[in-house]
Amino acid sequence: MINLKISNLTKQYNQPLLEKVNFSFTGKGVVGFIGDNGSGKSSLLKILAGVDEDFTGKFAWSGQPSIGFMPQEIMDRENLSGGQKKMEKLAQLIYGESHDILLLDEPDNHLDFDGKEWLANALEYFSGLVIMISHDRDFLDMNTEFTWLIESGGVRTFPFGYKKFSKIYLQERGYLERLYKKQVKEKKRLQVLVKEFGRIAAYNSKRASAYRSMQKRLERHVENMVVDPAKQMGSILLNSQINKKKMKRKTAVFVKDLEFDYGEDPIFSGASMHLEVGEKVALISPNGSGKSTLIKLLLGELKAKAGKTEIGVNLDLGYYSQEHTESLDQTQTPLKILMAKYPMFEYQAEAVLKKFLFTKQTMKSRIDTLSGGQKSRVQLAVFLYRNPDVLLLDEPTNHLDIKSILALENFLNDYKGTVLLISHDKRLVKNVCKKVFEITDRIIKNGDESLLLP
């Protein structure tokens, strides 16, 4: 067995991340390490890997274990195809080196379905301890035996995988919400009594001790109140507004007899696809099959050799890709970026960013101090503020935390426009889309409908 003990570990970076973290862990298998973007998951992994020594407190592994570490990687377009760079690194860590412990920061990002299946088999093969940051709910369900949750600067550990954790955590949240409402009601009652006792004591000095006693009772109650679950567990609030006149038009995306190649490398040959207004469709194929190429053709960034790729008349097209985070000005703040993109007052921009769980501090923090997921939320805020009629989404959940993915999922379910979703998040596809297409043999055809089954 592998033992880890953490004592009073504190880490600050731009804002307090980890505050006097204390816990012990014993075991082998796969730990799913989850929590909000910017909560300190990557920071703790770097500390445990010995990469980051800028912290207070201490931690200790039993014995002298060999530790393999894979940080988040920002890959260029070439490496994204097939996730080869990531898979090669994972293969080296798991099969090529004799490690006792693996610390993996979002290893499933950029992997297609086949890549995720390969990773699941590799994790099963590994006989040591794996601590893995991931936001893919299905992947966590299938592959974790323990769960670590980071929230409010601390870490909670659970002796079971994410599937059981998510059910128990939901029950806990319901209990805390009920308890908090009851405590708020009692707080208001005590405040009324304190006010009344104070009024009486002002005219009768003999009642002063009773007044002070009631004040202390209120103070003790407030001190023992649970944290407001709505603040601690927050949720992103998004809404969609689509022009109803535009909704009457039938065609949203039109691809007909498409021919395209990169020199001697043919990508499409006679490919066709039609999406009607309001349809929500997933495009599922292995990396390198042409999904992103199709997006670029629809955006007009590439020109077809023959055939048509069109967006419906008078429909506003919106495109979101995780790669967009690389284009953010690292010296600017989320607030300035949003105000530069859409003319608005600062208080209006703050209201928009607040919906995406940005605090006053993170709104005004430089982009280069934010986590990968926080950068994604900046782009998501900028993208969704436009309320486009047609959404082209290319791997939108990469680096987003589970809370943000759920918010995006709810938004897409309520959205009245058209969605073309490229994603390897099975649960997102199942919960949002009603039809599946795939690219096979350079054409677009109906895909595996089983992905949509409960």
Protein backbone atom coordinates (compact mmCIF):
# COMPACT_ATOMS: atom_id res chain seq x y z
CA MET A 1 0.00 0.00 0.00
CA ILE A 2 1.02 3.61 -0.60
CA ASN A 3 0.64 6.14 2.20
CA LEU A 4 0.39 9.92 1.91
CA LYS A 5 0.15 12.38 4.80
CA ILE A 6 -0.43 16.12 4.26
CA SER A 7 -0.14 18.57 7.16
CA ASN A 8 -1.14 22.26 7.16
CA LEU A 9 -0.29 22.64 3.48
CA THR A 10 -0.96 26.17 2.23
CA LYS A 11 -0.45 27.56 -1.28
CA GLN A 12 -1.23 31.01 -2.65
CA TYR A 13 -1.07 32.07 -6.28
CA ASN A 14 -2.80 35.31 -7.26
CA GLN A 15 -5.39 34.31 -4.66
CA PRO A 16 -5.55 31.80 -1.77
CA LEU A 17 -5.75 28.29 -3.25
CA LEU A 18 -4.93 25.72 -0.58
CA GLU A 19 -5.38 26.69 3.06
CA LYS A 20 -4.01 24.43 5.81
CA VAL A 21 -4.88 21.22 3.96
CA ASN A 22 -4.75 18.19 6.26
CA PHE A 23 -5.52 14.61 5.28
CA SER A 24 -4.05 11.13 5.05
CA PHE A 25 -4.56 8.59 2.31
CA THR A 26 -3.69 4.90 2.05
CA GLY A 27 -4.33 2.73 -0.95
CA LYS A 28 -3.71 1.78 -4.56
CA GLY A 29 -5.88 2.20 -7.62
CA VAL A 30 -7.26 5.29 -9.35
CA VAL A 31 -8.19 8.46 -7.46
CA GLY A 32 -10.48 10.87 -9.31
CA PHE A 33 -9.39 14.38 -8.26
CA ILE A 34 -12.18 16.87 -8.93
CA GLY A 35 -13.12 20.47 -8.14
CA ASP A 36 -13.81 23.84 -9.72
CA ASN A 37 -11.48 25.52 -12.19
CA GLY A 38 -8.87 27.53 -10.31
CA SER A 39 -9.49 25.73 -7.01
CA GLY A 40 -5.94 24.40 -6.76
CA LYS A 41 -6.06 20.87 -8.20
CA SER A 42 -3.12 21.33 -10.58
CA SER A 43 -1.18 23.19 -7.90
CA LEU A 44 -1.55 20.33 -5.41
CA LEU A 45 -0.55 17.78 -8.06
CA LYS A 46 2.61 19.78 -8.83
CA ILE A 47 3.45 19.96 -5.13
CA LEU A 48 2.99 16.20 -4.68
CA ALA A 49 5.15 15.62 -7.76
CA GLY A 50 7.94 17.73 -6.27
CA VAL A 51 7.71 20.23 -9.15
CA ASP A 52 6.42 23.14 -7.04
CA GLU A 53 8.24 23.89 -3.78
CA ASP A 54 6.63 27.29 -3.16
CA PHE A 55 4.26 26.36 -0.35
CA THR A 56 4.08 26.11 3.43
CA GLY A 57 3.24 23.05 5.50
CA LYS A 58 4.46 19.60 4.57
CA PHE A 59 3.57 16.30 2.98
CA ALA A 60 5.21 12.88 3.00
CA TRP A 61 4.97 9.71 0.93
CA SER A 62 5.75 6.46 2.72
CA GLY A 63 9.10 5.00 1.65
CA GLN A 64 10.71 6.51 -1.42
CA PRO A 65 8.23 5.84 -4.23
CA SER A 66 8.99 6.53 -7.89
CA ILE A 67 6.58 9.21 -9.12
CA GLY A 68 5.57 9.86 -12.72
CA PHE A 69 3.94 13.22 -13.47
CA MET A 70 2.08 14.50 -16.52
CA PRO A 71 0.98 18.15 -16.38
CA GLN A 72 -1.68 19.74 -18.55
CA GLU A 73 -0.36 20.11 -22.08
CA ILE A 74 -1.24 22.77 -24.62
CA MET A 75 -0.85 21.08 -27.96
CA ASP A 76 -0.61 22.54 -31.42
CA ARG A 77 -3.04 21.47 -34.12
CA GLU A 78 -0.74 18.81 -35.52
CA ASN A 79 -0.42 17.07 -32.18
CA LEU A 80 -4.14 17.29 -31.49
CA SER A 81 -4.82 14.86 -34.35
CA GLY A 82 -5.23 11.50 -32.67
CA GLY A 83 -3.92 12.85 -29.37
CA GLN A 84 -0.60 11.23 -30.27
CA LYS A 85 1.59 13.43 -28.10
CA LYS A 86 -0.52 12.77 -25.02
CA MET A 87 -0.87 9.04 -25.66
CA GLU A 88 2.86 8.63 -26.22
CA LYS A 89 3.58 10.36 -22.90
CA LEU A 90 0.98 8.25 -21.11
CA ALA A 91 2.32 5.03 -22.65
CA GLN A 92 5.82 5.94 -21.51
CA LEU A 93 4.66 6.68 -17.95
CA ILE A 94 2.46 3.61 -17.61
CA TYR A 95 4.29 0.93 -19.60
CA GLY A 96 7.83 2.20 -20.12
CA GLU A 97 8.86 3.34 -16.65
CA SER A 98 8.68 1.57 -13.27
CA HIS A 99 6.65 4.09 -11.30
CA ASP A 100 4.78 3.45 -8.08
CA ILE A 101 2.66 6.59 -8.36
CA LEU A 102 1.27 8.46 -11.37
CA LEU A 103 0.02 12.06 -11.07
CA LEU A 104 -2.00 12.85 -14.21
CA ASP A 105 -3.49 16.27 -14.94
CA GLU A 106 -6.47 15.83 -17.30
CA PRO A 107 -4.94 12.88 -19.23
CA ASP A 108 -8.21 12.25 -21.10
CA ASN A 109 -8.35 15.74 -22.67
CA HIS A 110 -7.96 15.71 -26.48
CA LEU A 111 -8.43 11.93 -26.62
CA ASP A 112 -11.17 10.55 -28.87
CA PHE A 113 -13.37 7.58 -27.84
CA ASP A 114 -10.75 5.03 -28.89
CA GLY A 115 -8.06 6.98 -27.03
CA LYS A 116 -10.14 7.07 -23.86
CA GLU A 117 -10.76 3.33 -24.08
CA TRP A 118 -7.01 2.79 -24.49
CA LEU A 119 -6.34 4.96 -21.43
CA ALA A 120 -8.92 3.08 -19.37
CA ASN A 121 -7.20 -0.23 -20.22
CA ALA A 122 -3.79 1.27 -19.41
CA LEU A 123 -5.00 2.50 -16.00
CA GLU A 124 -6.35 -0.97 -15.27
CA TYR A 125 -2.96 -2.44 -16.15
CA PHE A 126 -1.07 -0.12 -13.78
CA SER A 127 -0.65 -1.72 -10.35
CA GLY A 128 0.27 1.37 -8.30
CA LEU A 129 -1.54 4.55 -7.28
CA VAL A 130 -2.94 6.97 -9.85
CA ILE A 131 -4.16 10.44 -8.86
CA MET A 132 -5.97 11.81 -11.90
CA ILE A 133 -7.63 15.16 -12.54
CA SER A 134 -10.54 14.73 -14.94
CA HIS A 135 -13.86 16.40 -15.73
CA ASP A 136 -15.34 13.64 -17.92
CA ARG A 137 -18.19 12.22 -15.84
CA ASP A 138 -18.48 8.91 -17.71
CA PHE A 139 -14.72 8.40 -17.64
CA LEU A 140 -14.66 9.10 -13.89
CA ASP A 141 -17.61 6.77 -13.34
CA MET A 142 -15.91 3.87 -15.11
CA ASN A 143 -12.33 4.24 -13.93
CA THR A 144 -12.07 5.58 -10.37
CA GLU A 145 -12.00 3.76 -7.04
CA PHE A 146 -11.48 6.81 -4.80
CA THR A 147 -12.53 10.46 -5.01
CA TRP A 148 -10.80 13.61 -3.80
CA LEU A 149 -12.83 16.81 -3.84
CA ILE A 150 -11.19 20.20 -3.48
CA GLU A 151 -13.44 23.03 -2.31
CA SER A 152 -13.13 26.09 -0.09
CA GLY A 153 -9.35 25.69 0.06
CA GLY A 154 -9.46 22.18 1.51
CA VAL A 155 -9.53 18.58 0.27
CA ARG A 156 -12.15 15.98 1.20
CA THR A 157 -11.42 12.33 0.49
CA PHE A 158 -13.99 9.61 -0.17
CA PRO A 159 -13.27 5.83 -0.16
CA PHE A 160 -15.23 5.18 -3.36
CA GLY A 161 -15.29 6.17 -7.01
CA TYR A 162 -17.02 9.08 -8.69
CA LYS A 163 -20.22 7.18 -9.54
CA LYS A 164 -21.10 6.64 -5.87
CA PHE A 165 -19.62 10.00 -4.89
CA SER A 166 -21.88 11.98 -7.23
CA LYS A 167 -25.01 10.38 -5.71
CA ILE A 168 -23.87 10.93 -2.13
CA TYR A 169 -22.72 14.49 -2.85
CA LEU A 170 -26.11 15.33 -4.36
CA GLN A 171 -27.84 13.98 -1.25
CA GLU A 172 -25.45 15.97 0.94
CA ARG A 173 -26.16 19.14 -1.00
CA GLY A 174 -29.90 18.64 -0.55
CA TYR A 175 -29.44 18.16 3.19
CA LEU A 176 -27.22 21.25 3.48
CA GLU A 177 -29.69 23.37 1.52
CA ARG A 178 -32.52 22.33 3.88
CA LEU A 179 -30.33 22.86 6.96
CA TYR A 180 -29.19 26.28 5.75
CA LYS A 181 -32.78 27.44 5.16
CA LYS A 182 -33.73 26.27 8.66
CA GLN A 183 -30.71 28.05 10.18
CA VAL A 184 -31.46 31.29 8.31
CA LYS A 185 -35.03 31.15 9.62
CA GLU A 186 -33.74 30.69 13.19
CA LYS A 187 -31.22 33.50 12.70
CA LYS A 188 -34.01 35.90 11.70
CA ARG A 189 -36.07 34.82 14.72
CA LEU A 190 -33.15 35.43 17.08
CA GLN A 191 -32.43 38.82 15.48
CA VAL A 192 -36.01 39.87 16.19
CA LEU A 193 -35.64 38.74 19.80
CA VAL A 194 -32.31 40.57 20.22
CA LYS A 195 -33.91 43.73 18.90
CA GLU A 196 -36.88 43.32 21.24
CA PHE A 197 -34.68 42.52 24.26
CA GLY A 198 -32.52 45.55 23.42
CA ARG A 199 -35.57 47.81 23.31
CA ILE A 200 -36.70 46.58 26.74
CA ALA A 201 -33.16 46.84 28.23
CA ALA A 202 -32.98 50.47 27.12
CA TYR A 203 -35.80 51.27 29.55
CA ASN A 204 -35.11 48.63 32.19
CA SER A 205 -31.48 48.13 33.26
CA LYS A 206 -32.45 44.92 35.09
CA ARG A 207 -33.05 43.30 31.69
CA ALA A 208 -29.55 44.16 30.36
CA SER A 209 -28.13 40.72 31.25
CA ALA A 210 -30.98 39.00 29.39
CA TYR A 211 -30.25 41.21 26.39
CA ARG A 212 -26.53 40.31 26.45
CA SER A 213 -27.41 36.62 26.84
CA MET A 214 -29.66 36.79 23.77
CA GLN A 215 -26.91 38.56 21.82
CA LYS A 216 -24.46 35.75 22.65
CA ARG A 217 -27.04 33.17 21.66
CA LEU A 218 -27.39 34.82 18.25
CA GLU A 219 -23.59 35.03 17.87
CA ARG A 220 -23.21 31.30 18.67
CA HIS A 221 -25.93 30.41 16.20
CA VAL A 222 -24.35 32.46 13.39
CA GLU A 223 -20.93 30.98 14.17
CA ASN A 224 -22.29 27.44 13.87
CA MET A 225 -24.25 28.01 10.66
CA VAL A 226 -23.23 25.98 7.62
CA VAL A 227 -21.86 27.79 4.58
CA ASP A 228 -24.57 28.78 2.10
CA PRO A 229 -24.51 25.82 -0.36
CA ALA A 230 -25.46 28.17 -3.20
CA LYS A 231 -22.25 30.16 -2.62
CA GLN A 232 -20.02 27.18 -1.93
CA MET A 233 -21.25 25.00 -4.77
CA GLY A 234 -22.36 27.82 -7.11
CA SER A 235 -23.81 27.21 -10.55
CA ILE A 236 -23.40 29.11 -13.79
CA LEU A 237 -26.60 30.84 -14.86
CA LEU A 238 -27.00 31.09 -18.62
CA ASN A 239 -29.94 31.89 -20.84
CA SER A 240 -30.61 31.94 -24.55
CA GLN A 241 -32.51 34.49 -26.62
CA ILE A 242 -33.16 33.58 -30.24
CA ASN A 243 -35.02 35.79 -32.69
CA LYS A 244 -38.28 33.92 -33.42
CA LYS A 245 -38.49 35.32 -36.95
CA LYS A 246 -35.19 33.64 -37.82
CA MET A 247 -36.47 30.34 -36.41
CA LYS A 248 -39.02 30.04 -39.22
CA ARG A 249 -36.31 29.33 -41.78
CA LYS A 250 -35.73 25.62 -42.32
CA THR A 251 -32.11 25.13 -43.34
CA ALA A 252 -29.42 25.89 -40.76
CA VAL A 253 -26.39 23.98 -42.12
CA PHE A 254 -26.07 22.71 -45.69
CA VAL A 255 -23.28 20.53 -47.08
CA LYS A 256 -23.69 19.08 -50.58
CA ASP A 257 -21.31 16.97 -52.68
CA LEU A 258 -18.31 18.32 -50.79
CA GLU A 259 -14.83 17.68 -52.21
CA PHE A 260 -11.74 18.71 -50.26
CA ASP A 261 -8.14 17.58 -49.88
CA TYR A 262 -4.83 18.71 -48.47
CA GLY A 263 -2.71 18.12 -51.55
CA GLU A 264 -2.54 14.36 -51.98
CA ASP A 265 -4.45 13.74 -48.75
CA PRO A 266 -8.21 13.51 -49.59
CA ILE A 267 -10.51 14.45 -46.70
CA PHE A 268 -13.99 14.65 -48.27
CA SER A 269 -15.31 13.10 -51.47
CA GLY A 270 -19.00 13.60 -52.23
CA ALA A 271 -19.90 14.40 -48.61
CA SER A 272 -23.36 15.78 -47.81
CA MET A 273 -25.17 16.85 -44.61
CA HIS A 274 -28.29 18.86 -43.83
CA LEU A 275 -29.30 20.36 -40.48
CA GLU A 276 -32.64 22.04 -39.96
CA VAL A 277 -33.17 25.01 -37.66
CA GLY A 278 -33.44 23.78 -34.07
CA GLU A 279 -31.69 20.44 -34.62
CA LYS A 280 -28.97 19.36 -32.19
CA VAL A 281 -26.50 17.00 -33.81
CA ALA A 282 -23.26 15.39 -32.69
CA LEU A 283 -20.43 14.79 -35.15
CA ILE A 284 -18.52 11.78 -33.82
CA SER A 285 -15.40 10.41 -35.50
CA PRO A 286 -11.79 9.59 -34.55
CA ASN A 287 -9.28 12.42 -34.38
CA GLY A 288 -7.86 13.25 -37.80
CA SER A 289 -10.97 12.19 -39.73
CA GLY A 290 -11.90 15.72 -40.86
CA LYS A 291 -14.25 17.13 -38.20
CA SER A 292 -12.28 20.32 -37.62
CA THR A 293 -11.72 20.66 -41.38
CA LEU A 294 -15.50 20.61 -41.88
CA ILE A 295 -15.85 23.38 -39.28
CA LYS A 296 -13.26 25.50 -41.11
CA LEU A 297 -15.09 24.98 -44.40
CA LEU A 298 -18.37 26.11 -42.81
CA LEU A 299 -16.62 29.14 -41.33
CA GLY A 300 -15.11 30.02 -44.71
CA GLU A 301 -11.54 29.60 -43.45
CA LEU A 302 -11.01 26.90 -46.08
CA LYS A 303 -12.39 26.71 -49.61
CA ALA A 304 -13.96 23.54 -50.99
CA LYS A 305 -12.53 21.99 -54.14
CA ALA A 306 -16.11 21.28 -55.22
CA GLY A 307 -19.60 21.21 -53.70
CA LYS A 308 -21.23 23.52 -51.15
CA THR A 309 -20.88 24.33 -47.45
CA GLU A 310 -23.38 26.95 -46.34
CA ILE A 311 -25.09 28.39 -43.27
CA GLY A 312 -28.81 29.25 -43.50
CA VAL A 313 -29.77 32.68 -44.79
CA ASN A 314 -29.71 35.48 -42.19
CA LEU A 315 -28.59 33.14 -39.41
CA ASP A 316 -25.86 34.33 -37.07
CA LEU A 317 -23.11 31.72 -36.73
CA GLY A 318 -21.16 31.22 -33.52
CA TYR A 319 -18.03 29.07 -33.26
CA TYR A 320 -16.37 27.88 -30.07
CA SER A 321 -13.20 25.84 -29.71
CA GLN A 322 -10.89 25.23 -26.78
CA GLU A 323 -8.01 26.43 -28.98
CA HIS A 324 -9.43 29.95 -28.70
CA THR A 325 -7.97 30.30 -25.21
CA GLU A 326 -4.53 30.58 -26.84
CA SER A 327 -5.63 33.78 -28.57
CA LEU A 328 -6.51 35.57 -25.32
CA ASP A 329 -4.31 38.57 -24.54
CA GLN A 330 -2.39 37.29 -21.52
CA THR A 331 -1.84 40.82 -20.19
CA GLN A 332 -5.54 41.72 -20.10
CA THR A 333 -8.24 40.83 -17.58
CA PRO A 334 -11.57 39.03 -18.22
CA LEU A 335 -13.33 42.33 -17.52
CA LYS A 336 -11.32 44.29 -20.10
CA ILE A 337 -11.59 41.54 -22.72
CA LEU A 338 -15.39 41.43 -22.46
CA MET A 339 -15.73 45.24 -22.50
CA ALA A 340 -13.43 45.49 -25.54
CA LYS A 341 -15.50 42.89 -27.42
CA TYR A 342 -18.92 44.34 -26.55
CA PRO A 343 -19.34 48.02 -25.65
CA MET A 344 -20.82 48.03 -22.13
CA PHE A 345 -20.33 49.59 -18.73
CA GLU A 346 -18.09 47.88 -16.20
CA TYR A 347 -21.01 46.93 -13.94
CA GLN A 348 -22.68 45.21 -16.92
CA ALA A 349 -19.53 43.23 -17.71
CA GLU A 350 -19.23 42.25 -14.04
CA ALA A 351 -22.81 40.92 -14.12
CA VAL A 352 -22.00 38.77 -17.17
CA LEU A 353 -18.79 37.35 -15.68
CA LYS A 354 -20.48 36.72 -12.33
CA LYS A 355 -22.78 34.28 -14.14
CA PHE A 356 -19.66 32.35 -15.09
CA LEU A 357 -18.51 32.13 -11.45
CA PHE A 358 -15.88 34.86 -11.65
CA THR A 359 -15.28 36.72 -8.40
CA LYS A 360 -14.46 40.43 -8.25
CA GLN A 361 -10.82 39.41 -7.87
CA THR A 362 -10.63 36.94 -10.76
CA MET A 363 -12.54 39.34 -13.04
CA LYS A 364 -9.67 41.80 -12.58
CA SER A 365 -6.81 39.25 -12.66
CA ARG A 366 -4.52 38.98 -15.66
CA ILE A 367 -5.30 36.10 -18.01
CA ASP A 368 -1.85 34.57 -17.51
CA THR A 369 -2.62 34.08 -13.79
CA LEU A 370 -5.83 32.11 -14.46
CA SER A 371 -6.18 28.34 -14.75
CA GLY A 372 -6.88 26.67 -18.10
CA GLY A 373 -10.52 26.15 -17.11
CA GLN A 374 -10.95 29.78 -16.06
CA LYS A 375 -9.59 30.89 -19.43
CA SER A 376 -12.14 28.59 -21.07
CA ARG A 377 -14.90 30.25 -19.07
CA VAL A 378 -13.74 33.67 -20.26
CA GLN A 379 -14.07 32.48 -23.85
CA LEU A 380 -17.41 30.86 -23.11
CA ALA A 381 -18.72 34.13 -21.65
CA VAL A 382 -17.56 36.11 -24.70
CA PHE A 383 -18.96 33.48 -27.08
CA LEU A 384 -22.41 32.98 -25.52
CA TYR A 385 -23.02 36.70 -24.94
CA ARG A 386 -23.66 37.03 -28.69
CA ASN A 387 -26.62 34.61 -28.63
CA PRO A 388 -25.87 33.20 -32.11
CA ASP A 389 -28.54 31.24 -34.03
CA VAL A 390 -26.23 28.36 -35.01
CA LEU A 391 -23.57 26.96 -32.66
CA LEU A 392 -20.52 25.10 -33.97
CA LEU A 393 -18.84 23.59 -30.92
CA ASP A 394 -15.45 21.89 -31.33
CA GLU A 395 -14.52 20.06 -28.10
CA PRO A 396 -16.06 22.79 -25.90
CA THR A 397 -15.59 20.91 -22.61
CA ASN A 398 -11.78 20.59 -22.69
CA HIS A 399 -10.49 22.04 -19.38
CA LEU A 400 -13.98 23.01 -18.18
CA ASP A 401 -14.80 21.74 -14.68
CA ILE A 402 -17.86 19.57 -14.08
CA LYS A 403 -19.93 22.50 -12.83
CA SER A 404 -19.22 24.46 -16.03
CA ILE A 405 -19.93 21.40 -18.20
CA LEU A 406 -23.30 20.97 -16.48
CA ALA A 407 -24.09 24.65 -17.07
CA LEU A 408 -23.17 24.33 -20.76
CA GLU A 409 -25.26 21.17 -20.99
CA ASN A 410 -28.30 22.89 -19.46
CA PHE A 411 -27.81 25.89 -21.74
CA LEU A 412 -27.70 23.70 -24.85
CA ASN A 413 -30.82 21.81 -23.77
CA ASP A 414 -32.75 25.08 -23.38
CA TYR A 415 -31.22 26.64 -26.50
CA LYS A 416 -33.72 27.05 -29.35
CA GLY A 417 -31.18 27.35 -32.13
CA THR A 418 -29.12 24.79 -34.04
CA VAL A 419 -26.19 22.88 -32.53
CA LEU A 420 -23.41 20.99 -34.32
CA LEU A 421 -21.37 19.46 -31.51
CA ILE A 422 -17.97 17.81 -31.85
CA SER A 423 -17.21 16.15 -28.53
CA HIS A 424 -15.78 13.01 -26.97
CA ASP A 425 -17.75 13.58 -23.77
CA LYS A 426 -20.31 10.78 -24.06
CA ARG A 427 -22.62 12.15 -21.39
CA LEU A 428 -22.77 15.60 -22.96
CA VAL A 429 -23.56 14.06 -26.36
CA LYS A 430 -26.24 11.79 -24.87
CA ASN A 431 -27.90 14.54 -22.85
CA VAL A 432 -27.93 17.22 -25.57
CA CYS A 433 -28.09 15.68 -29.05
CA LYS A 434 -30.92 13.92 -30.88
CA LYS A 435 -28.92 12.72 -33.88
CA VAL A 436 -25.39 11.48 -34.56
CA PHE A 437 -23.31 11.89 -37.73
CA GLU A 438 -19.88 10.45 -38.40
CA ILE A 439 -17.20 10.90 -41.04
CA THR A 440 -16.30 7.58 -42.67
CA ASP A 441 -14.51 6.93 -45.96
CA ARG A 442 -14.52 10.69 -46.71
CA ILE A 443 -18.32 11.01 -46.52
CA ILE A 444 -20.72 12.08 -43.76
CA LYS A 445 -23.29 9.48 -42.73
CA ASN A 446 -25.57 8.57 -39.82
CA GLY A 447 -23.56 7.52 -36.79
CA ASP A 448 -23.95 5.20 -33.81
CA GLU A 449 -27.36 6.01 -32.32
CA SER A 450 -26.53 3.90 -29.23
CA LEU A 451 -24.54 6.91 -27.97
CA LEU A 452 -27.88 8.65 -27.40
CA LEU A 453 -29.42 5.83 -25.33
CA PRO A 454 -29.88 6.30 -21.55
